[in-house]
Structure formats: structure tokens, C-alpha cells
All heavy atoms as atom14 arrays in JSON, in Angstrom:
{
  "sequence": "DMLRVQGNEALAAEVRRFVDVMSPPRTERESIATALQEWAHVRKVEHT",
  "atom14_mask": [
    [1, 1, 1, 1, 1, 1, 1, 1, 0, 0, 0, 0, 0, 0],
    [1, 1, 1, 1, 1, 1, 1, 1, 0, 0, 0, 0, 0, 0],
    [1, 1, 1, 1, 1, 1, 1, 1, 0, 0, 0, 0, 0, 0],
    [1, 1, 1, 1, 1, 1, 1, 1, 1, 1, 1, 0, 0, 0],
    [1, 1, 1, 1, 1, 1, 1, 0, 0, 0, 0, 0, 0, 0],
    [1, 1, 1, 1, 1, 1, 1, 1, 1, 0, 0, 0, 0, 0],
    [1, 1, 1, 1, 0, 0, 0, 0, 0, 0, 0, 0, 0, 0],
    [1, 1, 1, 1, 1, 1, 1, 1, 0, 0, 0, 0, 0, 0],
    [1, 1, 1, 1, 1, 1, 1, 1, 1, 0, 0, 0, 0, 0],
    [1, 1, 1, 1, 1, 0, 0, 0, 0, 0, 0, 0, 0, 0],
    [1, 1, 1, 1, 1, 1, 1, 1, 0, 0, 0, 0, 0, 0],
    [1, 1, 1, 1, 1, 0, 0, 0, 0, 0, 0, 0, 0, 0],
    [1, 1, 1, 1, 1, 0, 0, 0, 0, 0, 0, 0, 0, 0],
    [1, 1, 1, 1, 1, 1, 1, 1, 1, 0, 0, 0, 0, 0],
    [1, 1, 1, 1, 1, 1, 1, 0, 0, 0, 0, 0, 0, 0],
    [1, 1, 1, 1, 1, 1, 1, 1, 1, 1, 1, 0, 0, 0],
    [1, 1, 1, 1, 1, 1, 1, 1, 1, 1, 1, 0, 0, 0],
    [1, 1, 1, 1, 1, 1, 1, 1, 1, 1, 1, 0, 0, 0],
    [1, 1, 1, 1, 1, 1, 1, 0, 0, 0, 0, 0, 0, 0],
    [1, 1, 1, 1, 1, 1, 1, 1, 0, 0, 0, 0, 0, 0],
    [1, 1, 1, 1, 1, 1, 1, 0, 0, 0, 0, 0, 0, 0],
    [1, 1, 1, 1, 1, 1, 1, 1, 0, 0, 0, 0, 0, 0],
    [1, 1, 1, 1, 1, 1, 0, 0, 0, 0, 0, 0, 0, 0],
    [1, 1, 1, 1, 1, 1, 1, 0, 0, 0, 0, 0, 0, 0],
    [1, 1, 1, 1, 1, 1, 1, 0, 0, 0, 0, 0, 0, 0],
    [1, 1, 1, 1, 1, 1, 1, 1, 1, 1, 1, 0, 0, 0],
    [1, 1, 1, 1, 1, 1, 1, 0, 0, 0, 0, 0, 0, 0],
    [1, 1, 1, 1, 1, 1, 1, 1, 1, 0, 0, 0, 0, 0],
    [1, 1, 1, 1, 1, 1, 1, 1, 1, 1, 1, 0, 0, 0],
    [1, 1, 1, 1, 1, 1, 1, 1, 1, 0, 0, 0, 0, 0],
    [1, 1, 1, 1, 1, 1, 0, 0, 0, 0, 0, 0, 0, 0],
    [1, 1, 1, 1, 1, 1, 1, 1, 0, 0, 0, 0, 0, 0],
    [1, 1, 1, 1, 1, 0, 0, 0, 0, 0, 0, 0, 0, 0],
    [1, 1, 1, 1, 1, 1, 1, 0, 0, 0, 0, 0, 0, 0],
    [1, 1, 1, 1, 1, 0, 0, 0, 0, 0, 0, 0, 0, 0],
    [1, 1, 1, 1, 1, 1, 1, 1, 0, 0, 0, 0, 0, 0],
    [1, 1, 1, 1, 1, 1, 1, 1, 1, 0, 0, 0, 0, 0],
    [1, 1, 1, 1, 1, 1, 1, 1, 1, 0, 0, 0, 0, 0],
    [1, 1, 1, 1, 1, 1, 1, 1, 1, 1, 1, 1, 1, 1],
    [1, 1, 1, 1, 1, 0, 0, 0, 0, 0, 0, 0, 0, 0],
    [1, 1, 1, 1, 1, 1, 1, 1, 1, 1, 0, 0, 0, 0],
    [1, 1, 1, 1, 1, 1, 1, 0, 0, 0, 0, 0, 0, 0],
    [1, 1, 1, 1, 1, 1, 1, 1, 1, 1, 1, 0, 0, 0],
    [1, 1, 1, 1, 1, 1, 1, 1, 1, 0, 0, 0, 0, 0],
    [1, 1, 1, 1, 1, 1, 1, 0, 0, 0, 0, 0, 0, 0],
    [1, 1, 1, 1, 1, 1, 1, 1, 1, 0, 0, 0, 0, 0],
    [1, 1, 1, 1, 1, 1, 1, 1, 1, 1, 0, 0, 0, 0],
    [1, 1, 1, 1, 1, 1, 1, 0, 0, 0, 0, 0, 0, 0]
  ],
  "atom14_positions": [
    [[0.78, -1.24, 0.0], [-0.02, 0.03, -0.04], [0.84, 1.23, 0.01], [0.54, 2.22, -0.69], [-0.89, 0.02, 1.2], [-1.95, -1.04, 1.09], [-2.14, -1.68, 0.08], [-2.47, -1.51, 2.18], [0.0, 0.0, 0.0], [0.0, 0.0, 0.0], [0.0, 0.0, 0.0], [0.0, 0.0, 0.0], [0.0, 0.0, 0.0], [0.0, 0.0, 0.0]],
    [[1.9, 1.26, 0.72], [2.9, 2.35, 0.78], [3.48, 2.65, -0.54], [3.76, 3.74, -1.03], [3.84, 2.17, 1.83], [3.35, 2.15, 3.26], [4.56, 1.7, 4.52], [5.59, 3.12, 4.54], [0.0, 0.0, 0.0], [0.0, 0.0, 0.0], [0.0, 0.0, 0.0], [0.0, 0.0, 0.0], [0.0, 0.0, 0.0], [0.0, 0.0, 0.0]],
    [[3.82, 1.53, -1.21], [4.41, 1.64, -2.61], [3.47, 2.26, -3.59], [3.78, 3.12, -4.39], [4.9, 0.26, -3.17], [6.14, -0.31, -2.38], [6.28, -1.77, -2.86], [7.44, 0.47, -2.91], [0.0, 0.0, 0.0], [0.0, 0.0, 0.0], [0.0, 0.0, 0.0], [0.0, 0.0, 0.0], [0.0, 0.0, 0.0], [0.0, 0.0, 0.0]],
    [[2.16, 1.88, -3.48], [1.15, 2.48, -4.24], [1.06, 4.03, -4.0], [0.89, 4.72, -5.01], [-0.17, 1.79, -4.05], [-0.27, 0.39, -4.67], [-1.61, -0.2, -4.27], [-1.87, -1.47, -4.93], [-2.86, -2.34, -4.71], [-3.69, -2.01, -3.81], [-2.95, -3.39, -5.49], [0.0, 0.0, 0.0], [0.0, 0.0, 0.0], [0.0, 0.0, 0.0]],
    [[0.99, 4.39, -2.78], [0.93, 5.79, -2.37], [2.06, 6.53, -3.04], [1.99, 7.71, -3.41], [0.91, 6.01, -0.81], [1.02, 7.41, -0.52], [-0.35, 5.38, -0.31], [0.0, 0.0, 0.0], [0.0, 0.0, 0.0], [0.0, 0.0, 0.0], [0.0, 0.0, 0.0], [0.0, 0.0, 0.0], [0.0, 0.0, 0.0], [0.0, 0.0, 0.0]],
    [[3.26, 5.95, -2.96], [4.5, 6.6, -3.53], [4.56, 6.45, -5.12], [5.53, 6.9, -5.74], [5.78, 5.99, -2.94], [5.82, 6.31, -1.5], [7.05, 5.68, -0.74], [6.94, 5.3, 0.4], [8.21, 5.62, -1.46], [0.0, 0.0, 0.0], [0.0, 0.0, 0.0], [0.0, 0.0, 0.0], [0.0, 0.0, 0.0], [0.0, 0.0, 0.0]],
    [[3.54, 5.83, -5.76], [3.53, 5.87, -7.18], [4.24, 4.66, -7.79], [4.37, 4.63, -9.02], [0.0, 0.0, 0.0], [0.0, 0.0, 0.0], [0.0, 0.0, 0.0], [0.0, 0.0, 0.0], [0.0, 0.0, 0.0], [0.0, 0.0, 0.0], [0.0, 0.0, 0.0], [0.0, 0.0, 0.0], [0.0, 0.0, 0.0], [0.0, 0.0, 0.0]],
    [[4.59, 3.64, -7.04], [5.33, 2.5, -7.54], [4.43, 1.34, -7.67], [4.54, 0.31, -6.95], [6.52, 2.21, -6.65], [7.58, 1.34, -7.38], [7.34, 0.63, -8.27], [8.84, 1.51, -6.87], [0.0, 0.0, 0.0], [0.0, 0.0, 0.0], [0.0, 0.0, 0.0], [0.0, 0.0, 0.0], [0.0, 0.0, 0.0], [0.0, 0.0, 0.0]],
    [[3.49, 1.39, -8.58], [2.55, 0.38, -8.82], [3.09, -0.95, -9.23], [2.66, -2.09, -8.79], [1.42, 0.86, -9.85], [0.5, 1.9, -9.38], [-0.6, 1.41, -8.43], [-0.67, 0.17, -8.22], [-1.2, 2.11, -7.77], [0.0, 0.0, 0.0], [0.0, 0.0, 0.0], [0.0, 0.0, 0.0], [0.0, 0.0, 0.0], [0.0, 0.0, 0.0]],
    [[4.15, -0.96, -10.08], [4.72, -2.19, -10.6], [5.37, -2.96, -9.44], [5.18, -4.18, -9.38], [5.9, -1.82, -11.65], [0.0, 0.0, 0.0], [0.0, 0.0, 0.0], [0.0, 0.0, 0.0], [0.0, 0.0, 0.0], [0.0, 0.0, 0.0], [0.0, 0.0, 0.0], [0.0, 0.0, 0.0], [0.0, 0.0, 0.0], [0.0, 0.0, 0.0]],
    [[6.13, -2.29, -8.58], [6.77, -3.07, -7.49], [5.66, -3.44, -6.47], [5.77, -4.51, -5.9], [7.83, -2.14, -6.86], [8.65, -2.81, -5.7], [9.29, -4.12, -6.21], [9.69, -1.88, -5.15], [0.0, 0.0, 0.0], [0.0, 0.0, 0.0], [0.0, 0.0, 0.0], [0.0, 0.0, 0.0], [0.0, 0.0, 0.0], [0.0, 0.0, 0.0]],
    [[4.66, -2.7, -6.31], [3.55, -3.06, -5.44], [2.92, -4.38, -5.94], [2.54, -5.31, -5.11], [2.5, -1.91, -5.33], [0.0, 0.0, 0.0], [0.0, 0.0, 0.0], [0.0, 0.0, 0.0], [0.0, 0.0, 0.0], [0.0, 0.0, 0.0], [0.0, 0.0, 0.0], [0.0, 0.0, 0.0], [0.0, 0.0, 0.0], [0.0, 0.0, 0.0]],
    [[2.75, -4.53, -7.2], [2.17, -5.76, -7.85], [3.12, -6.88, -7.55], [2.62, -8.11, -7.35], [1.91, -5.57, -9.35], [0.0, 0.0, 0.0], [0.0, 0.0, 0.0], [0.0, 0.0, 0.0], [0.0, 0.0, 0.0], [0.0, 0.0, 0.0], [0.0, 0.0, 0.0], [0.0, 0.0, 0.0], [0.0, 0.0, 0.0], [0.0, 0.0, 0.0]],
    [[4.46, -6.72, -7.73], [5.45, -7.75, -7.4], [5.34, -8.24, -5.95], [5.51, -9.41, -5.63], [6.83, -7.24, -7.68], [7.14, -7.08, -9.18], [8.55, -6.81, -9.38], [9.43, -7.65, -9.05], [8.85, -5.7, -10.0], [0.0, 0.0, 0.0], [0.0, 0.0, 0.0], [0.0, 0.0, 0.0], [0.0, 0.0, 0.0], [0.0, 0.0, 0.0]],
    [[5.16, -7.32, -5.02], [5.04, -7.7, -3.61], [3.75, -8.54, -3.37], [3.8, -9.54, -2.7], [4.9, -6.38, -2.71], [4.44, -6.7, -1.35], [6.2, -5.67, -2.69], [0.0, 0.0, 0.0], [0.0, 0.0, 0.0], [0.0, 0.0, 0.0], [0.0, 0.0, 0.0], [0.0, 0.0, 0.0], [0.0, 0.0, 0.0], [0.0, 0.0, 0.0]],
    [[2.6, -8.2, -4.07], [1.49, -9.0, -3.96], [1.7, -10.48, -4.41], [1.34, -11.44, -3.71], [0.33, -8.31, -4.81], [-0.94, -9.1, -4.79], [-1.76, -9.09, -3.45], [-1.6, -10.3, -2.6], [-2.3, -10.53, -1.62], [-3.08, -9.58, -1.07], [-2.04, -11.58, -0.91], [0.0, 0.0, 0.0], [0.0, 0.0, 0.0], [0.0, 0.0, 0.0]],
    [[2.34, -10.54, -5.52], [2.67, -11.9, -6.08], [3.58, -12.73, -5.21], [3.47, -13.87, -4.96], [3.19, -11.81, -7.44], [2.24, -11.39, -8.59], [2.84, -11.53, -10.02], [3.89, -10.65, -10.31], [3.79, -9.45, -10.69], [2.54, -8.95, -11.04], [4.82, -8.69, -10.98], [0.0, 0.0, 0.0], [0.0, 0.0, 0.0], [0.0, 0.0, 0.0]],
    [[4.51, -11.98, -4.64], [5.55, -12.55, -3.68], [4.8, -13.2, -2.48], [5.09, -14.25, -1.95], [6.53, -11.48, -3.29], [7.55, -11.92, -2.28], [8.68, -12.57, -2.72], [7.44, -11.69, -0.93], [9.63, -13.11, -1.74], [8.44, -12.1, -0.05], [9.5, -12.74, -0.43], [0.0, 0.0, 0.0], [0.0, 0.0, 0.0], [0.0, 0.0, 0.0]],
    [[3.85, -12.49, -1.92], [3.05, -12.92, -0.72], [2.17, -14.18, -1.17], [2.07, -15.11, -0.41], [2.26, -11.82, -0.17], [1.31, -12.43, 0.96], [3.1, -10.68, 0.39], [0.0, 0.0, 0.0], [0.0, 0.0, 0.0], [0.0, 0.0, 0.0], [0.0, 0.0, 0.0], [0.0, 0.0, 0.0], [0.0, 0.0, 0.0], [0.0, 0.0, 0.0]],
    [[1.61, -14.07, -2.38], [0.73, -15.13, -2.78], [1.5, -16.51, -2.92], [0.69, -17.58, -2.73], [0.13, -14.8, -4.08], [-0.99, -13.65, -3.91], [-1.42, -13.43, -2.87], [-1.33, -13.01, -5.0], [0.0, 0.0, 0.0], [0.0, 0.0, 0.0], [0.0, 0.0, 0.0], [0.0, 0.0, 0.0], [0.0, 0.0, 0.0], [0.0, 0.0, 0.0]],
    [[2.66, -16.49, -3.19], [3.36, -17.85, -3.43], [4.17, -18.27, -2.19], [4.96, -19.31, -2.37], [4.24, -17.73, -4.76], [3.48, -17.45, -6.01], [5.44, -16.73, -4.58], [0.0, 0.0, 0.0], [0.0, 0.0, 0.0], [0.0, 0.0, 0.0], [0.0, 0.0, 0.0], [0.0, 0.0, 0.0], [0.0, 0.0, 0.0], [0.0, 0.0, 0.0]],
    [[4.06, -17.59, -1.12], [4.74, -18.08, 0.1], [4.29, -19.43, 0.46], [3.06, -19.75, 0.42], [4.57, -17.09, 1.25], [5.4, -15.91, 1.17], [5.23, -14.92, 2.74], [6.37, -13.59, 2.44], [0.0, 0.0, 0.0], [0.0, 0.0, 0.0], [0.0, 0.0, 0.0], [0.0, 0.0, 0.0], [0.0, 0.0, 0.0], [0.0, 0.0, 0.0]],
    [[5.17, -20.4, 0.83], [4.88, -21.73, 1.16], [4.29, -21.63, 2.61], [4.57, -20.74, 3.39], [6.0, -22.66, 1.16], [7.1, -22.06, 2.03], [0.0, 0.0, 0.0], [0.0, 0.0, 0.0], [0.0, 0.0, 0.0], [0.0, 0.0, 0.0], [0.0, 0.0, 0.0], [0.0, 0.0, 0.0], [0.0, 0.0, 0.0], [0.0, 0.0, 0.0]],
    [[3.38, -22.68, 2.99], [2.79, -22.61, 4.32], [3.84, -22.72, 5.44], [4.91, -23.42, 5.22], [1.89, -23.87, 4.3], [1.66, -24.12, 2.83], [2.95, -23.72, 2.19], [0.0, 0.0, 0.0], [0.0, 0.0, 0.0], [0.0, 0.0, 0.0], [0.0, 0.0, 0.0], [0.0, 0.0, 0.0], [0.0, 0.0, 0.0], [0.0, 0.0, 0.0]],
    [[3.62, -22.01, 6.58], [4.69, -22.04, 7.59], [4.57, -23.43, 8.31], [3.61, -23.92, 8.84], [4.16, -21.04, 8.61], [2.62, -20.8, 8.36], [2.54, -21.1, 6.91], [0.0, 0.0, 0.0], [0.0, 0.0, 0.0], [0.0, 0.0, 0.0], [0.0, 0.0, 0.0], [0.0, 0.0, 0.0], [0.0, 0.0, 0.0], [0.0, 0.0, 0.0]],
    [[5.72, -24.26, 8.26], [5.91, -25.43, 8.85], [7.13, -25.62, 9.64], [8.15, -25.08, 9.23], [5.78, -26.58, 7.79], [4.48, -26.76, 6.97], [4.65, -28.04, 6.13], [3.43, -28.24, 5.26], [3.47, -28.09, 4.02], [4.65, -27.86, 3.37], [2.35, -28.21, 3.24], [0.0, 0.0, 0.0], [0.0, 0.0, 0.0], [0.0, 0.0, 0.0]],
    [[7.06, -26.38, 10.66], [8.28, -26.73, 11.45], [9.01, -27.81, 10.54], [8.59, -28.38, 9.6], [7.97, -27.34, 12.79], [7.33, -28.57, 12.6], [7.24, -26.44, 13.71], [0.0, 0.0, 0.0], [0.0, 0.0, 0.0], [0.0, 0.0, 0.0], [0.0, 0.0, 0.0], [0.0, 0.0, 0.0], [0.0, 0.0, 0.0], [0.0, 0.0, 0.0]],
    [[10.3, -28.0, 10.87], [11.11, -28.92, 10.03], [10.42, -30.33, 10.23], [10.38, -31.03, 9.15], [12.53, -28.99, 10.68], [13.41, -29.83, 9.82], [14.93, -29.68, 10.31], [15.14, -29.96, 11.42], [15.75, -29.31, 9.5], [0.0, 0.0, 0.0], [0.0, 0.0, 0.0], [0.0, 0.0, 0.0], [0.0, 0.0, 0.0], [0.0, 0.0, 0.0]],
    [[9.99, -30.68, 11.41], [9.42, -32.07, 11.5], [8.16, -32.19, 10.68], [7.88, -33.2, 10.02], [9.09, -32.32, 13.0], [8.66, -33.76, 13.28], [8.5, -34.06, 14.73], [9.83, -33.86, 15.37], [9.89, -34.12, 16.68], [8.77, -34.36, 17.49], [10.96, -33.96, 17.31], [0.0, 0.0, 0.0], [0.0, 0.0, 0.0], [0.0, 0.0, 0.0]],
    [[7.34, -31.03, 10.6], [6.14, -31.13, 9.79], [6.39, -31.25, 8.32], [5.82, -31.94, 7.53], [5.31, -29.87, 10.07], [4.65, -29.86, 11.44], [3.98, -28.47, 11.74], [4.41, -27.51, 11.29], [3.0, -28.6, 12.51], [0.0, 0.0, 0.0], [0.0, 0.0, 0.0], [0.0, 0.0, 0.0], [0.0, 0.0, 0.0], [0.0, 0.0, 0.0]],
    [[7.55, -30.49, 7.91], [7.95, -30.63, 6.47], [8.31, -32.05, 6.14], [8.04, -32.57, 5.04], [9.11, -29.66, 6.27], [8.58, -28.29, 6.35], [0.0, 0.0, 0.0], [0.0, 0.0, 0.0], [0.0, 0.0, 0.0], [0.0, 0.0, 0.0], [0.0, 0.0, 0.0], [0.0, 0.0, 0.0], [0.0, 0.0, 0.0], [0.0, 0.0, 0.0]],
    [[9.11, -32.76, 6.96], [9.62, -34.04, 6.72], [8.34, -35.01, 6.69], [8.24, -35.88, 5.85], [10.47, -34.48, 7.9], [11.79, -33.73, 7.82], [10.78, -36.03, 7.78], [12.82, -33.98, 8.97], [0.0, 0.0, 0.0], [0.0, 0.0, 0.0], [0.0, 0.0, 0.0], [0.0, 0.0, 0.0], [0.0, 0.0, 0.0], [0.0, 0.0, 0.0]],
    [[7.32, -34.73, 7.63], [6.1, -35.56, 7.68], [5.3, -35.39, 6.35], [4.91, -36.39, 5.78], [5.21, -35.18, 8.83], [0.0, 0.0, 0.0], [0.0, 0.0, 0.0], [0.0, 0.0, 0.0], [0.0, 0.0, 0.0], [0.0, 0.0, 0.0], [0.0, 0.0, 0.0], [0.0, 0.0, 0.0], [0.0, 0.0, 0.0], [0.0, 0.0, 0.0]],
    [[5.26, -34.22, 5.84], [4.59, -33.93, 4.63], [5.27, -34.7, 3.4], [4.65, -35.2, 2.5], [4.58, -32.38, 4.24], [3.83, -31.81, 5.35], [3.85, -32.17, 2.96], [0.0, 0.0, 0.0], [0.0, 0.0, 0.0], [0.0, 0.0, 0.0], [0.0, 0.0, 0.0], [0.0, 0.0, 0.0], [0.0, 0.0, 0.0], [0.0, 0.0, 0.0]],
    [[6.65, -34.61, 3.42], [7.44, -35.25, 2.37], [7.25, -36.73, 2.43], [7.16, -37.4, 1.39], [8.94, -34.87, 2.51], [0.0, 0.0, 0.0], [0.0, 0.0, 0.0], [0.0, 0.0, 0.0], [0.0, 0.0, 0.0], [0.0, 0.0, 0.0], [0.0, 0.0, 0.0], [0.0, 0.0, 0.0], [0.0, 0.0, 0.0], [0.0, 0.0, 0.0]],
    [[7.17, -37.32, 3.69], [6.96, -38.8, 3.74], [5.5, -39.17, 3.24], [5.34, -40.23, 2.59], [7.05, -39.19, 5.25], [8.52, -39.18, 5.82], [8.33, -39.39, 7.32], [9.36, -40.15, 5.15], [0.0, 0.0, 0.0], [0.0, 0.0, 0.0], [0.0, 0.0, 0.0], [0.0, 0.0, 0.0], [0.0, 0.0, 0.0], [0.0, 0.0, 0.0]],
    [[4.59, -38.32, 3.67], [3.19, -38.57, 3.14], [3.18, -38.54, 1.51], [2.55, -39.41, 0.89], [2.27, -37.55, 3.64], [1.86, -37.82, 5.1], [1.04, -36.64, 5.66], [1.19, -35.54, 5.29], [0.05, -37.02, 6.49], [0.0, 0.0, 0.0], [0.0, 0.0, 0.0], [0.0, 0.0, 0.0], [0.0, 0.0, 0.0], [0.0, 0.0, 0.0]],
    [[3.77, -37.59, 0.97], [3.91, -37.41, -0.57], [4.56, -38.7, -1.11], [4.15, -39.23, -2.14], [4.62, -36.1, -0.89], [3.7, -34.88, -0.49], [4.49, -33.58, -0.81], [5.69, -33.67, -1.12], [3.84, -32.52, -0.65], [0.0, 0.0, 0.0], [0.0, 0.0, 0.0], [0.0, 0.0, 0.0], [0.0, 0.0, 0.0], [0.0, 0.0, 0.0]],
    [[5.74, -39.09, -0.42], [6.46, -40.23, -0.97], [5.6, -41.56, -0.93], [5.47, -42.25, -1.84], [7.73, -40.43, -0.14], [8.49, -41.54, -0.54], [9.42, -41.74, -1.54], [8.5, -42.94, 0.17], [9.9, -43.03, -1.48], [9.37, -43.76, -0.44], [7.8, -43.32, 1.32], [9.58, -45.02, -0.04], [7.94, -44.65, 1.72], [8.9, -45.52, 1.07]],
    [[4.85, -41.59, 0.2], [3.95, -42.82, 0.37], [2.85, -42.84, -0.71], [2.47, -43.85, -1.28], [3.34, -42.87, 1.73], [0.0, 0.0, 0.0], [0.0, 0.0, 0.0], [0.0, 0.0, 0.0], [0.0, 0.0, 0.0], [0.0, 0.0, 0.0], [0.0, 0.0, 0.0], [0.0, 0.0, 0.0], [0.0, 0.0, 0.0], [0.0, 0.0, 0.0]],
    [[2.3, -41.64, -1.01], [1.21, -41.54, -2.02], [1.8, -41.9, -3.33], [1.16, -42.57, -4.14], [0.75, -40.05, -1.99], [-0.23, -39.87, -3.12], [-1.56, -40.36, -3.04], [-0.19, -39.09, -4.24], [-2.24, -40.01, -4.16], [-1.41, -39.3, -4.85], [0.0, 0.0, 0.0], [0.0, 0.0, 0.0], [0.0, 0.0, 0.0], [0.0, 0.0, 0.0]],
    [[3.02, -41.39, -3.7], [3.56, -41.73, -5.08], [3.81, -43.24, -5.13], [3.48, -43.86, -6.1], [4.88, -40.93, -5.27], [5.7, -41.49, -6.39], [4.66, -39.43, -5.34], [0.0, 0.0, 0.0], [0.0, 0.0, 0.0], [0.0, 0.0, 0.0], [0.0, 0.0, 0.0], [0.0, 0.0, 0.0], [0.0, 0.0, 0.0], [0.0, 0.0, 0.0]],
    [[4.36, -43.83, -4.03], [4.66, -45.27, -4.09], [3.29, -46.15, -4.19], [3.22, -47.05, -4.92], [5.33, -45.74, -2.78], [6.72, -45.2, -2.66], [7.62, -45.85, -3.72], [7.69, -47.26, -3.66], [8.49, -48.11, -2.88], [9.33, -47.35, -2.06], [8.48, -49.31, -2.92], [0.0, 0.0, 0.0], [0.0, 0.0, 0.0], [0.0, 0.0, 0.0]],
    [[2.21, -45.64, -3.6], [0.92, -46.29, -3.7], [0.37, -46.2, -5.12], [-0.11, -47.16, -5.71], [-0.09, -45.62, -2.82], [-1.43, -46.26, -2.72], [-2.41, -45.62, -1.69], [-3.7, -46.31, -1.76], [-4.61, -45.56, -0.68], [0.0, 0.0, 0.0], [0.0, 0.0, 0.0], [0.0, 0.0, 0.0], [0.0, 0.0, 0.0], [0.0, 0.0, 0.0]],
    [[0.5, -45.03, -5.75], [0.09, -44.82, -7.1], [0.86, -45.75, -8.08], [0.31, -46.42, -9.0], [0.21, -43.38, -7.61], [-0.03, -43.18, -9.07], [-0.8, -42.5, -6.78], [0.0, 0.0, 0.0], [0.0, 0.0, 0.0], [0.0, 0.0, 0.0], [0.0, 0.0, 0.0], [0.0, 0.0, 0.0], [0.0, 0.0, 0.0], [0.0, 0.0, 0.0]],
    [[2.19, -45.72, -7.9], [3.05, -46.6, -8.73], [2.7, -48.1, -8.59], [2.66, -48.79, -9.55], [4.46, -46.43, -8.39], [5.06, -45.06, -8.81], [6.47, -44.76, -8.39], [6.93, -45.61, -7.51], [7.13, -43.8, -8.88], [0.0, 0.0, 0.0], [0.0, 0.0, 0.0], [0.0, 0.0, 0.0], [0.0, 0.0, 0.0], [0.0, 0.0, 0.0]],
    [[2.38, -48.55, -7.32], [1.99, -49.93, -7.1], [0.72, -50.27, -7.79], [0.52, -51.37, -8.31], [1.94, -50.15, -5.55], [1.46, -51.5, -5.23], [2.29, -52.62, -5.46], [0.39, -51.97, -4.68], [1.64, -53.71, -4.96], [0.55, -53.34, -4.53], [0.0, 0.0, 0.0], [0.0, 0.0, 0.0], [0.0, 0.0, 0.0], [0.0, 0.0, 0.0]],
    [[-0.27, -49.33, -7.71], [-1.59, -49.55, -8.32], [-1.37, -49.65, -9.87], [-2.05, -50.57, -10.49], [-2.54, -48.36, -8.01], [-2.61, -48.29, -6.58], [-3.88, -48.56, -8.68], [0.0, 0.0, 0.0], [0.0, 0.0, 0.0], [0.0, 0.0, 0.0], [0.0, 0.0, 0.0], [0.0, 0.0, 0.0], [0.0, 0.0, 0.0], [0.0, 0.0, 0.0]]
  ]
}
């Protein structure tokens, strides 16, 4: 919003996109658990 007020619409749009693609906040253990779940899902699909 401050960038818009200062007339920098292009950078303001970049900031909005930057926020939109932030990954969800996870602890390291939660990230490992998510990776294990994804790995198990891929193995299940391959087995099927």
C-alpha cells in the first residue's frame, strides 16, 4: 500500500505476487512428515 501511495504500482504488484506464493509455515518435522506422506502416495500410485 505504501508503494502504491508513492506511485510505484509495478513493485507493489510484485509484492502482492511474492506474498501469494509463500509456502505454508511448517516446522522442520512437519515438512519431513509432509514429504513422507507425498512419498507414500507416489509409491501407492506406482504400485496400483
